[in-house]
Amino acid sequence: AGQKWQLRHTTQATALLDFVGELGSDLSLKYKLTLQQGD
């Protein structure tokens, strides 16, 4: 719901399931994908 970004996963896979039940129900979510390059 527009709040600050939370890191959910660090992975070398290209697919995943993110269980978000602890964040609430009927959620408006925005996901961001980044590529780690050193620091």
PDB file of all heavy atoms in Angstrom:
ATOM      1  N   ALA A   1       0.828  -1.220   0.000  1.00  0.00           N
ATOM      2  CA  ALA A   1       0.000   0.000   0.000  1.00  0.00           C
ATOM      3  C   ALA A   1       0.858   1.263   0.000  1.00  0.00           C
ATOM      4  O   ALA A   1       0.575   2.237   0.716  1.00  0.00           O
ATOM      5  CB  ALA A   1      -0.953  -0.011   1.187  1.00  0.00           C
ATOM      6  N   GLY A   2       1.925   1.248  -0.769  1.00  0.00           N
ATOM      7  CA  GLY A   2       2.754   2.439  -0.916  1.00  0.00           C
ATOM      8  C   GLY A   2       3.737   2.694   0.199  1.00  0.00           C
ATOM      9  O   GLY A   2       4.416   3.729   0.203  1.00  0.00           O
ATOM     10  N   GLN A   3       3.849   1.763   1.150  1.00  0.00           N
ATOM     11  CA  GLN A   3       4.792   1.939   2.253  1.00  0.00           C
ATOM     12  C   GLN A   3       6.212   1.635   1.790  1.00  0.00           C
ATOM     13  O   GLN A   3       6.454   1.296   0.627  1.00  0.00           O
ATOM     14  CB  GLN A   3       4.388   1.041   3.422  1.00  0.00           C
ATOM     15  CG  GLN A   3       2.999   1.357   3.989  1.00  0.00           C
ATOM     16  CD  GLN A   3       2.587   0.394   5.083  1.00  0.00           C
ATOM     17  OE1 GLN A   3       3.418  -0.289   5.663  1.00  0.00           O
ATOM     18  NE2 GLN A   3       1.291   0.345   5.359  1.00  0.00           N
ATOM     19  N   LYS A   4       7.170   1.725   2.690  1.00  0.00           N
ATOM     20  CA  LYS A   4       8.572   1.581   2.312  1.00  0.00           C
ATOM     21  C   LYS A   4       8.861   0.161   1.825  1.00  0.00           C
ATOM     22  O   LYS A   4       8.177  -0.802   2.179  1.00  0.00           O
ATOM     23  CB  LYS A   4       9.478   1.933   3.490  1.00  0.00           C
ATOM     24  CG  LYS A   4       9.397   0.989   4.677  1.00  0.00           C
ATOM     25  CD  LYS A   4      10.358   1.431   5.781  1.00  0.00           C
ATOM     26  CE  LYS A   4      10.317   0.453   6.953  1.00  0.00           C
ATOM     27  NZ  LYS A   4      11.246   0.847   8.023  1.00  0.00           N
ATOM     28  N   TRP A   5       9.914   0.032   1.026  1.00  0.00           N
ATOM     29  CA  TRP A   5      10.306  -1.249   0.468  1.00  0.00           C
ATOM     30  C   TRP A   5      10.829  -2.183   1.562  1.00  0.00           C
ATOM     31  O   TRP A   5      11.562  -1.764   2.455  1.00  0.00           O
ATOM     32  CB  TRP A   5      11.400  -1.075  -0.588  1.00  0.00           C
ATOM     33  CG  TRP A   5      10.964  -0.375  -1.840  1.00  0.00           C
ATOM     34  CD1 TRP A   5      11.277   0.893  -2.223  1.00  0.00           C
ATOM     35  CD2 TRP A   5      10.123  -0.911  -2.864  1.00  0.00           C
ATOM     36  NE1 TRP A   5      10.699   1.198  -3.426  1.00  0.00           N
ATOM     37  CE2 TRP A   5       9.982   0.099  -3.843  1.00  0.00           C
ATOM     38  CE3 TRP A   5       9.480  -2.132  -3.059  1.00  0.00           C
ATOM     39  CZ2 TRP A   5       9.239  -0.072  -5.001  1.00  0.00           C
ATOM     40  CZ3 TRP A   5       8.737  -2.299  -4.219  1.00  0.00           C
ATOM     41  CH2 TRP A   5       8.613  -1.288  -5.164  1.00  0.00           C
ATOM     42  N   GLN A   6      10.450  -3.468   1.449  1.00  0.00           N
ATOM     43  CA  GLN A   6      10.965  -4.513   2.335  1.00  0.00           C
ATOM     44  C   GLN A   6      11.649  -5.574   1.482  1.00  0.00           C
ATOM     45  O   GLN A   6      11.077  -6.026   0.479  1.00  0.00           O
ATOM     46  CB  GLN A   6       9.836  -5.192   3.114  1.00  0.00           C
ATOM     47  CG  GLN A   6       8.942  -4.287   3.911  1.00  0.00           C
ATOM     48  CD  GLN A   6       7.793  -5.066   4.551  1.00  0.00           C
ATOM     49  OE1 GLN A   6       7.968  -6.187   5.035  1.00  0.00           O
ATOM     50  NE2 GLN A   6       6.607  -4.466   4.535  1.00  0.00           N
ATOM     51  N   LEU A   7      12.836  -5.980   1.843  1.00  0.00           N
ATOM     52  CA  LEU A   7      13.512  -7.065   1.138  1.00  0.00           C
ATOM     53  C   LEU A   7      12.832  -8.386   1.499  1.00  0.00           C
ATOM     54  O   LEU A   7      12.710  -8.735   2.668  1.00  0.00           O
ATOM     55  CB  LEU A   7      14.986  -7.129   1.522  1.00  0.00           C
ATOM     56  CG  LEU A   7      15.794  -8.272   0.894  1.00  0.00           C
ATOM     57  CD1 LEU A   7      15.835  -8.144  -0.626  1.00  0.00           C
ATOM     58  CD2 LEU A   7      17.213  -8.320   1.465  1.00  0.00           C
ATOM     59  N   ARG A   8      12.383  -9.115   0.473  1.00  0.00           N
ATOM     60  CA  ARG A   8      11.672 -10.374   0.710  1.00  0.00           C
ATOM     61  C   ARG A   8      12.526 -11.599   0.376  1.00  0.00           C
ATOM     62  O   ARG A   8      12.478 -12.601   1.072  1.00  0.00           O
ATOM     63  CB  ARG A   8      10.391 -10.423  -0.146  1.00  0.00           C
ATOM     64  CG  ARG A   8       9.375  -9.357   0.190  1.00  0.00           C
ATOM     65  CD  ARG A   8       8.742  -9.593   1.537  1.00  0.00           C
ATOM     66  NE  ARG A   8       7.827 -10.743   1.531  1.00  0.00           N
ATOM     67  CZ  ARG A   8       7.161 -11.160   2.602  1.00  0.00           C
ATOM     68  NH1 ARG A   8       7.345 -10.546   3.772  1.00  0.00           N
ATOM     69  NH2 ARG A   8       6.352 -12.188   2.537  1.00  0.00           N
ATOM     70  N   HIS A   9      13.294 -11.522  -0.711  1.00  0.00           N
ATOM     71  CA  HIS A   9      14.050 -12.693  -1.152  1.00  0.00           C
ATOM     72  C   HIS A   9      15.340 -12.254  -1.827  1.00  0.00           C
ATOM     73  O   HIS A   9      15.366 -11.237  -2.532  1.00  0.00           O
ATOM     74  CB  HIS A   9      13.245 -13.535  -2.158  1.00  0.00           C
ATOM     75  CG  HIS A   9      11.931 -14.016  -1.638  1.00  0.00           C
ATOM     76  ND1 HIS A   9      11.787 -15.171  -0.914  1.00  0.00           N
ATOM     77  CD2 HIS A   9      10.682 -13.470  -1.741  1.00  0.00           C
ATOM     78  CE1 HIS A   9      10.512 -15.332  -0.588  1.00  0.00           C
ATOM     79  NE2 HIS A   9       9.818 -14.311  -1.077  1.00  0.00           N
ATOM     80  N   THR A  10      16.371 -13.039  -1.636  1.00  0.00           N
ATOM     81  CA  THR A  10      17.592 -12.949  -2.423  1.00  0.00           C
ATOM     82  C   THR A  10      17.801 -14.328  -3.033  1.00  0.00           C
ATOM     83  O   THR A  10      17.839 -15.332  -2.319  1.00  0.00           O
ATOM     84  CB  THR A  10      18.793 -12.545  -1.560  1.00  0.00           C
ATOM     85  OG1 THR A  10      18.571 -11.231  -1.041  1.00  0.00           O
ATOM     86  CG2 THR A  10      20.072 -12.538  -2.382  1.00  0.00           C
ATOM     87  N   THR A  11      17.913 -14.405  -4.361  1.00  0.00           N
ATOM     88  CA  THR A  11      17.877 -15.701  -5.034  1.00  0.00           C
ATOM     89  C   THR A  11      18.630 -15.661  -6.347  1.00  0.00           C
ATOM     90  O   THR A  11      18.808 -14.588  -6.941  1.00  0.00           O
ATOM     91  CB  THR A  11      16.420 -16.115  -5.298  1.00  0.00           C
ATOM     92  OG1 THR A  11      16.385 -17.388  -5.937  1.00  0.00           O
ATOM     93  CG2 THR A  11      15.698 -15.093  -6.178  1.00  0.00           C
ATOM     94  N   GLN A  12      19.055 -16.819  -6.813  1.00  0.00           N
ATOM     95  CA  GLN A  12      19.600 -16.974  -8.157  1.00  0.00           C
ATOM     96  C   GLN A  12      18.586 -17.640  -9.081  1.00  0.00           C
ATOM     97  O   GLN A  12      18.862 -17.824 -10.265  1.00  0.00           O
ATOM     98  CB  GLN A  12      20.894 -17.784  -8.120  1.00  0.00           C
ATOM     99  CG  GLN A  12      22.052 -17.037  -7.469  1.00  0.00           C
ATOM    100  CD  GLN A  12      23.372 -17.774  -7.592  1.00  0.00           C
ATOM    101  OE1 GLN A  12      23.420 -18.994  -7.653  1.00  0.00           O
ATOM    102  NE2 GLN A  12      24.459 -17.010  -7.625  1.00  0.00           N
ATOM    103  N   ALA A  13      17.426 -17.964  -8.552  1.00  0.00           N
ATOM    104  CA  ALA A  13      16.353 -18.521  -9.378  1.00  0.00           C
ATOM    105  C   ALA A  13      15.696 -17.406 -10.182  1.00  0.00           C
ATOM    106  O   ALA A  13      15.963 -16.222  -9.976  1.00  0.00           O
ATOM    107  CB  ALA A  13      15.332 -19.218  -8.487  1.00  0.00           C
ATOM    108  N   THR A  14      14.835 -17.779 -11.084  1.00  0.00           N
ATOM    109  CA  THR A  14      14.104 -16.790 -11.887  1.00  0.00           C
ATOM    110  C   THR A  14      12.595 -16.921 -11.682  1.00  0.00           C
ATOM    111  O   THR A  14      11.814 -16.438 -12.495  1.00  0.00           O
ATOM    112  CB  THR A  14      14.449 -16.937 -13.380  1.00  0.00           C
ATOM    113  OG1 THR A  14      14.150 -18.278 -13.797  1.00  0.00           O
ATOM    114  CG2 THR A  14      15.912 -16.638 -13.633  1.00  0.00           C
ATOM    115  N   ALA A  15      12.212 -17.592 -10.601  1.00  0.00           N
ATOM    116  CA  ALA A  15      10.793 -17.707 -10.253  1.00  0.00           C
ATOM    117  C   ALA A  15      10.707 -18.033  -8.775  1.00  0.00           C
ATOM    118  O   ALA A  15      11.580 -18.711  -8.219  1.00  0.00           O
ATOM    119  CB  ALA A  15      10.103 -18.793 -11.070  1.00  0.00           C
ATOM    120  N   LEU A  16       9.653 -17.561  -8.139  1.00  0.00           N
ATOM    121  CA  LEU A  16       9.472 -17.860  -6.720  1.00  0.00           C
ATOM    122  C   LEU A  16       8.035 -17.600  -6.302  1.00  0.00           C
ATOM    123  O   LEU A  16       7.274 -16.910  -6.990  1.00  0.00           O
ATOM    124  CB  LEU A  16      10.441 -17.060  -5.842  1.00  0.00           C
ATOM    125  CG  LEU A  16      10.416 -15.535  -5.907  1.00  0.00           C
ATOM    126  CD1 LEU A  16       9.297 -14.918  -5.067  1.00  0.00           C
ATOM    127  CD2 LEU A  16      11.757 -14.972  -5.438  1.00  0.00           C
ATOM    128  N   LEU A  17       7.675 -18.194  -5.167  1.00  0.00           N
ATOM    129  CA  LEU A  17       6.407 -17.916  -4.512  1.00  0.00           C
ATOM    130  C   LEU A  17       6.698 -17.100  -3.270  1.00  0.00           C
ATOM    131  O   LEU A  17       7.566 -17.456  -2.470  1.00  0.00           O
ATOM    132  CB  LEU A  17       5.691 -19.216  -4.115  1.00  0.00           C
ATOM    133  CG  LEU A  17       5.390 -20.223  -5.220  1.00  0.00           C
ATOM    134  CD1 LEU A  17       4.580 -21.392  -4.649  1.00  0.00           C
ATOM    135  CD2 LEU A  17       4.656 -19.586  -6.378  1.00  0.00           C
ATOM    136  N   ASP A  18       5.986 -16.012  -3.101  1.00  0.00           N
ATOM    137  CA  ASP A  18       6.132 -15.167  -1.926  1.00  0.00           C
ATOM    138  C   ASP A  18       4.851 -15.249  -1.121  1.00  0.00           C
ATOM    139  O   ASP A  18       3.799 -14.731  -1.542  1.00  0.00           O
ATOM    140  CB  ASP A  18       6.417 -13.721  -2.345  1.00  0.00           C
ATOM    141  CG  ASP A  18       6.702 -12.818  -1.159  1.00  0.00           C
ATOM    142  OD1 ASP A  18       7.217 -13.329  -0.144  1.00  0.00           O
ATOM    143  OD2 ASP A  18       6.398 -11.611  -1.237  1.00  0.00           O
ATOM    144  N   PHE A  19       4.908 -15.931   0.035  1.00  0.00           N
ATOM    145  CA  PHE A  19       3.740 -16.023   0.903  1.00  0.00           C
ATOM    146  C   PHE A  19       3.660 -14.764   1.753  1.00  0.00           C
ATOM    147  O   PHE A  19       4.588 -14.428   2.495  1.00  0.00           O
ATOM    148  CB  PHE A  19       3.792 -17.285   1.755  1.00  0.00           C
ATOM    149  CG  PHE A  19       3.174 -18.462   1.055  1.00  0.00           C
ATOM    150  CD1 PHE A  19       3.881 -19.149   0.082  1.00  0.00           C
ATOM    151  CD2 PHE A  19       1.862 -18.837   1.322  1.00  0.00           C
ATOM    152  CE1 PHE A  19       3.307 -20.215  -0.600  1.00  0.00           C
ATOM    153  CE2 PHE A  19       1.273 -19.893   0.648  1.00  0.00           C
ATOM    154  CZ  PHE A  19       1.989 -20.590  -0.316  1.00  0.00           C
ATOM    155  N   VAL A  20       2.549 -14.064   1.627  1.00  0.00           N
ATOM    156  CA  VAL A  20       2.419 -12.721   2.199  1.00  0.00           C
ATOM    157  C   VAL A  20       1.340 -12.640   3.270  1.00  0.00           C
ATOM    158  O   VAL A  20       0.942 -11.549   3.660  1.00  0.00           O
ATOM    159  CB  VAL A  20       2.127 -11.695   1.083  1.00  0.00           C
ATOM    160  CG1 VAL A  20       3.294 -11.603   0.111  1.00  0.00           C
ATOM    161  CG2 VAL A  20       0.833 -12.046   0.329  1.00  0.00           C
ATOM    162  N   GLY A  21       0.865 -13.774   3.737  1.00  0.00           N
ATOM    163  CA  GLY A  21      -0.220 -13.770   4.702  1.00  0.00           C
ATOM    164  C   GLY A  21       0.088 -12.985   5.953  1.00  0.00           C
ATOM    165  O   GLY A  21      -0.810 -12.364   6.546  1.00  0.00           O
ATOM    166  N   GLU A  22       1.373 -12.964   6.373  1.00  0.00           N
ATOM    167  CA  GLU A  22       1.712 -12.224   7.591  1.00  0.00           C
ATOM    168  C   GLU A  22       1.624 -10.721   7.384  1.00  0.00           C
ATOM    169  O   GLU A  22       1.597  -9.944   8.344  1.00  0.00           O
ATOM    170  CB  GLU A  22       3.122 -12.611   8.070  1.00  0.00           C
ATOM    171  CG  GLU A  22       4.274 -11.893   7.401  1.00  0.00           C
ATOM    172  CD  GLU A  22       4.676 -12.487   6.060  1.00  0.00           C
ATOM    173  OE1 GLU A  22       3.962 -13.388   5.580  1.00  0.00           O
ATOM    174  OE2 GLU A  22       5.694 -12.071   5.504  1.00  0.00           O
ATOM    175  N   LEU A  23       1.522 -10.281   6.113  1.00  0.00           N
ATOM    176  CA  LEU A  23       1.397  -8.849   5.815  1.00  0.00           C
ATOM    177  C   LEU A  23      -0.053  -8.392   5.825  1.00  0.00           C
ATOM    178  O   LEU A  23      -0.324  -7.186   5.791  1.00  0.00           O
ATOM    179  CB  LEU A  23       2.024  -8.542   4.452  1.00  0.00           C
ATOM    180  CG  LEU A  23       3.508  -8.879   4.292  1.00  0.00           C
ATOM    181  CD1 LEU A  23       3.971  -8.577   2.868  1.00  0.00           C
ATOM    182  CD2 LEU A  23       4.355  -8.115   5.305  1.00  0.00           C
ATOM    183  N   GLY A  24      -0.989  -9.352   5.833  1.00  0.00           N
ATOM    184  CA  GLY A  24      -2.402  -9.001   5.828  1.00  0.00           C
ATOM    185  C   GLY A  24      -3.151  -9.710   4.721  1.00  0.00           C
ATOM    186  O   GLY A  24      -2.634 -10.618   4.072  1.00  0.00           O
ATOM    187  N   SER A  25      -4.376  -9.287   4.503  1.00  0.00           N
ATOM    188  CA  SER A  25      -5.207  -9.870   3.442  1.00  0.00           C
ATOM    189  C   SER A  25      -5.682  -8.765   2.520  1.00  0.00           C
ATOM    190  O   SER A  25      -5.663  -7.579   2.873  1.00  0.00           O
ATOM    191  CB  SER A  25      -6.403 -10.611   4.040  1.00  0.00           C
ATOM    192  OG  SER A  25      -7.183  -9.741   4.838  1.00  0.00           O
ATOM    193  N   ASP A  26      -6.107  -9.167   1.326  1.00  0.00           N
ATOM    194  CA  ASP A  26      -6.590  -8.223   0.307  1.00  0.00           C
ATOM    195  C   ASP A  26      -5.593  -7.064   0.159  1.00  0.00           C
ATOM    196  O   ASP A  26      -5.925  -5.882   0.308  1.00  0.00           O
ATOM    197  CB  ASP A  26      -7.977  -7.701   0.673  1.00  0.00           C
ATOM    198  CG  ASP A  26      -8.999  -8.821   0.764  1.00  0.00           C
ATOM    199  OD1 ASP A  26      -9.025  -9.672  -0.143  1.00  0.00           O
ATOM    200  OD2 ASP A  26      -9.748  -8.867   1.752  1.00  0.00           O
ATOM    201  N   LEU A  27      -4.364  -7.423  -0.177  1.00  0.00           N
ATOM    202  CA  LEU A  27      -3.245  -6.482  -0.188  1.00  0.00           C
ATOM    203  C   LEU A  27      -3.035  -5.837  -1.544  1.00  0.00           C
ATOM    204  O   LEU A  27      -3.198  -6.482  -2.586  1.00  0.00           O
ATOM    205  CB  LEU A  27      -1.957  -7.210   0.200  1.00  0.00           C
ATOM    206  CG  LEU A  27      -1.912  -7.837   1.591  1.00  0.00           C
ATOM    207  CD1 LEU A  27      -0.687  -8.741   1.713  1.00  0.00           C
ATOM    208  CD2 LEU A  27      -1.885  -6.755   2.666  1.00  0.00           C
ATOM    209  N   SER A  28      -2.655  -4.560  -1.538  1.00  0.00           N
ATOM    210  CA  SER A  28      -2.149  -3.872  -2.731  1.00  0.00           C
ATOM    211  C   SER A  28      -0.635  -3.885  -2.632  1.00  0.00           C
ATOM    212  O   SER A  28      -0.054  -3.282  -1.718  1.00  0.00           O
ATOM    213  CB  SER A  28      -2.667  -2.441  -2.795  1.00  0.00           C
ATOM    214  OG  SER A  28      -4.071  -2.416  -2.958  1.00  0.00           O
ATOM    215  N   LEU A  29       0.015  -4.575  -3.547  1.00  0.00           N
ATOM    216  CA  LEU A  29       1.451  -4.819  -3.461  1.00  0.00           C
ATOM    217  C   LEU A  29       2.165  -4.276  -4.691  1.00  0.00           C
ATOM    218  O   LEU A  29       1.641  -4.333  -5.803  1.00  0.00           O
ATOM    219  CB  LEU A  29       1.726  -6.325  -3.358  1.00  0.00           C
ATOM    220  CG  LEU A  29       1.068  -7.073  -2.188  1.00  0.00           C
ATOM    221  CD1 LEU A  29       1.225  -8.564  -2.361  1.00  0.00           C
ATOM    222  CD2 LEU A  29       1.663  -6.619  -0.866  1.00  0.00           C
ATOM    223  N   LYS A  30       3.363  -3.772  -4.464  1.00  0.00           N
ATOM    224  CA  LYS A  30       4.255  -3.436  -5.558  1.00  0.00           C
ATOM    225  C   LYS A  30       5.578  -4.164  -5.301  1.00  0.00           C
ATOM    226  O   LYS A  30       6.147  -4.074  -4.210  1.00  0.00           O
ATOM    227  CB  LYS A  30       4.501  -1.935  -5.660  1.00  0.00           C
ATOM    228  CG  LYS A  30       5.465  -1.562  -6.805  1.00  0.00           C
ATOM    229  CD  LYS A  30       5.632  -0.058  -6.940  1.00  0.00           C
ATOM    230  CE  LYS A  30       4.426   0.557  -7.622  1.00  0.00           C
ATOM    231  NZ  LYS A  30       4.656   1.996  -7.940  1.00  0.00           N
ATOM    232  N   TYR A  31       6.022  -4.919  -6.318  1.00  0.00           N
ATOM    233  CA  TYR A  31       7.276  -5.651  -6.219  1.00  0.00           C
ATOM    234  C   TYR A  31       8.346  -4.971  -7.072  1.00  0.00           C
ATOM    235  O   TYR A  31       8.050  -4.415  -8.139  1.00  0.00           O
ATOM    236  CB  TYR A  31       7.101  -7.102  -6.687  1.00  0.00           C
ATOM    237  CG  TYR A  31       6.439  -7.986  -5.657  1.00  0.00           C
ATOM    238  CD1 TYR A  31       5.053  -8.128  -5.636  1.00  0.00           C
ATOM    239  CD2 TYR A  31       7.186  -8.657  -4.710  1.00  0.00           C
ATOM    240  CE1 TYR A  31       4.432  -8.927  -4.692  1.00  0.00           C
ATOM    241  CE2 TYR A  31       6.573  -9.459  -3.748  1.00  0.00           C
ATOM    242  CZ  TYR A  31       5.207  -9.598  -3.748  1.00  0.00           C
ATOM    243  OH  TYR A  31       4.603 -10.382  -2.807  1.00  0.00           O
ATOM    244  N   LYS A  32       9.568  -5.059  -6.589  1.00  0.00           N
ATOM    245  CA  LYS A  32      10.716  -4.524  -7.325  1.00  0.00           C
ATOM    246  C   LYS A  32      11.777  -5.618  -7.441  1.00  0.00           C
ATOM    247  O   LYS A  32      12.112  -6.270  -6.444  1.00  0.00           O
ATOM    248  CB  LYS A  32      11.297  -3.301  -6.618  1.00  0.00           C
ATOM    249  CG  LYS A  32      12.542  -2.707  -7.286  1.00  0.00           C
ATOM    250  CD  LYS A  32      12.914  -1.359  -6.696  1.00  0.00           C
ATOM    251  CE  LYS A  32      13.323  -1.462  -5.244  1.00  0.00           C
ATOM    252  NZ  LYS A  32      13.757  -0.145  -4.701  1.00  0.00           N
ATOM    253  N   LEU A  33      12.270  -5.819  -8.643  1.00  0.00           N
ATOM    254  CA  LEU A  33      13.331  -6.781  -8.924  1.00  0.00           C
ATOM    255  C   LEU A  33      14.623  -6.028  -9.159  1.00  0.00           C
ATOM    256  O   LEU A  33      14.669  -5.085  -9.960  1.00  0.00           O
ATOM    257  CB  LEU A  33      12.976  -7.610 -10.171  1.00  0.00           C
ATOM    258  CG  LEU A  33      14.050  -8.557 -10.706  1.00  0.00           C
ATOM    259  CD1 LEU A  33      14.264  -9.737  -9.761  1.00  0.00           C
ATOM    260  CD2 LEU A  33      13.656  -9.063 -12.109  1.00  0.00           C
ATOM    261  N   THR A  34      15.685  -6.419  -8.461  1.00  0.00           N
ATOM    262  CA  THR A  34      16.996  -5.794  -8.672  1.00  0.00           C
ATOM    263  C   THR A  34      18.031  -6.876  -8.924  1.00  0.00           C
ATOM    264  O   THR A  34      17.876  -8.047  -8.532  1.00  0.00           O
ATOM    265  CB  THR A  34      17.434  -4.953  -7.463  1.00  0.00           C
ATOM    266  OG1 THR A  34      17.811  -5.816  -6.388  1.00  0.00           O
ATOM    267  CG2 THR A  34      16.336  -4.008  -7.010  1.00  0.00           C
ATOM    268  N   LEU A  35      19.107  -6.482  -9.575  1.00  0.00           N
ATOM    269  CA  LEU A  35      20.244  -7.351  -9.841  1.00  0.00           C
ATOM    270  C   LEU A  35      21.399  -6.897  -8.961  1.00  0.00           C
ATOM    271  O   LEU A  35      21.781  -5.717  -8.970  1.00  0.00           O
ATOM    272  CB  LEU A  35      20.646  -7.272 -11.320  1.00  0.00           C
ATOM    273  CG  LEU A  35      21.879  -8.069 -11.743  1.00  0.00           C
ATOM    274  CD1 LEU A  35      21.636  -9.561 -11.622  1.00  0.00           C
ATOM    275  CD2 LEU A  35      22.252  -7.712 -13.194  1.00  0.00           C
ATOM    276  N   GLN A  36      21.922  -7.830  -8.188  1.00  0.00           N
ATOM    277  CA  GLN A  36      23.038  -7.500  -7.304  1.00  0.00           C
ATOM    278  C   GLN A  36      24.340  -7.532  -8.087  1.00  0.00           C
ATOM    279  O   GLN A  36      24.679  -8.536  -8.716  1.00  0.00           O
ATOM    280  CB  GLN A  36      23.100  -8.498  -6.147  1.00  0.00           C
ATOM    281  CG  GLN A  36      24.045  -8.100  -5.027  1.00  0.00           C
ATOM    282  CD  GLN A  36      23.504  -6.951  -4.191  1.00  0.00           C
ATOM    283  OE1 GLN A  36      22.322  -6.945  -3.853  1.00  0.00           O
ATOM    284  NE2 GLN A  36      24.357  -5.987  -3.875  1.00  0.00           N
ATOM    285  N   GLN A  37      25.082  -6.426  -8.063  1.00  0.00           N
ATOM    286  CA  GLN A  37      26.380  -6.359  -8.742  1.00  0.00           C
ATOM    287  C   GLN A  37      27.409  -5.843  -7.732  1.00  0.00           C
ATOM    288  O   GLN A  37      27.569  -4.632  -7.559  1.00  0.00           O
ATOM    289  CB  GLN A  37      26.311  -5.438  -9.960  1.00  0.00           C
ATOM    290  CG  GLN A  37      25.422  -5.995 -11.066  1.00  0.00           C
ATOM    291  CD  GLN A  37      25.534  -5.186 -12.348  1.00  0.00           C
ATOM    292  OE1 GLN A  37      25.806  -3.996 -12.319  1.00  0.00           O
ATOM    293  NE2 GLN A  37      25.332  -5.853 -13.467  1.00  0.00           N
ATOM    294  N   GLY A  38      28.065  -6.786  -7.054  1.00  0.00           N
ATOM    295  CA  GLY A  38      28.988  -6.385  -6.003  1.00  0.00           C
ATOM    296  C   GLY A  38      28.241  -5.692  -4.888  1.00  0.00           C
ATOM    297  O   GLY A  38      27.293  -6.223  -4.320  1.00  0.00           O
ATOM    298  N   ASP A  39      28.664  -4.467  -4.565  1.00  0.00           N
ATOM    299  CA  ASP A  39      27.991  -3.695  -3.532  1.00  0.00           C
ATOM    300  C   ASP A  39      26.839  -2.865  -4.082  1.00  0.00           C
ATOM    301  O   ASP A  39      26.138  -2.198  -3.322  1.00  0.00           O
ATOM    302  CB  ASP A  39      28.992  -2.753  -2.840  1.00  0.00           C
ATOM    303  CG  ASP A  39      30.045  -3.529  -2.041  1.00  0.00           C
ATOM    304  OD1 ASP A  39      29.718  -4.646  -1.598  1.00  0.00           O
ATOM    305  OD2 ASP A  39      31.167  -3.016  -1.891  1.00  0.00           O
TER     306      ASP A  39
END
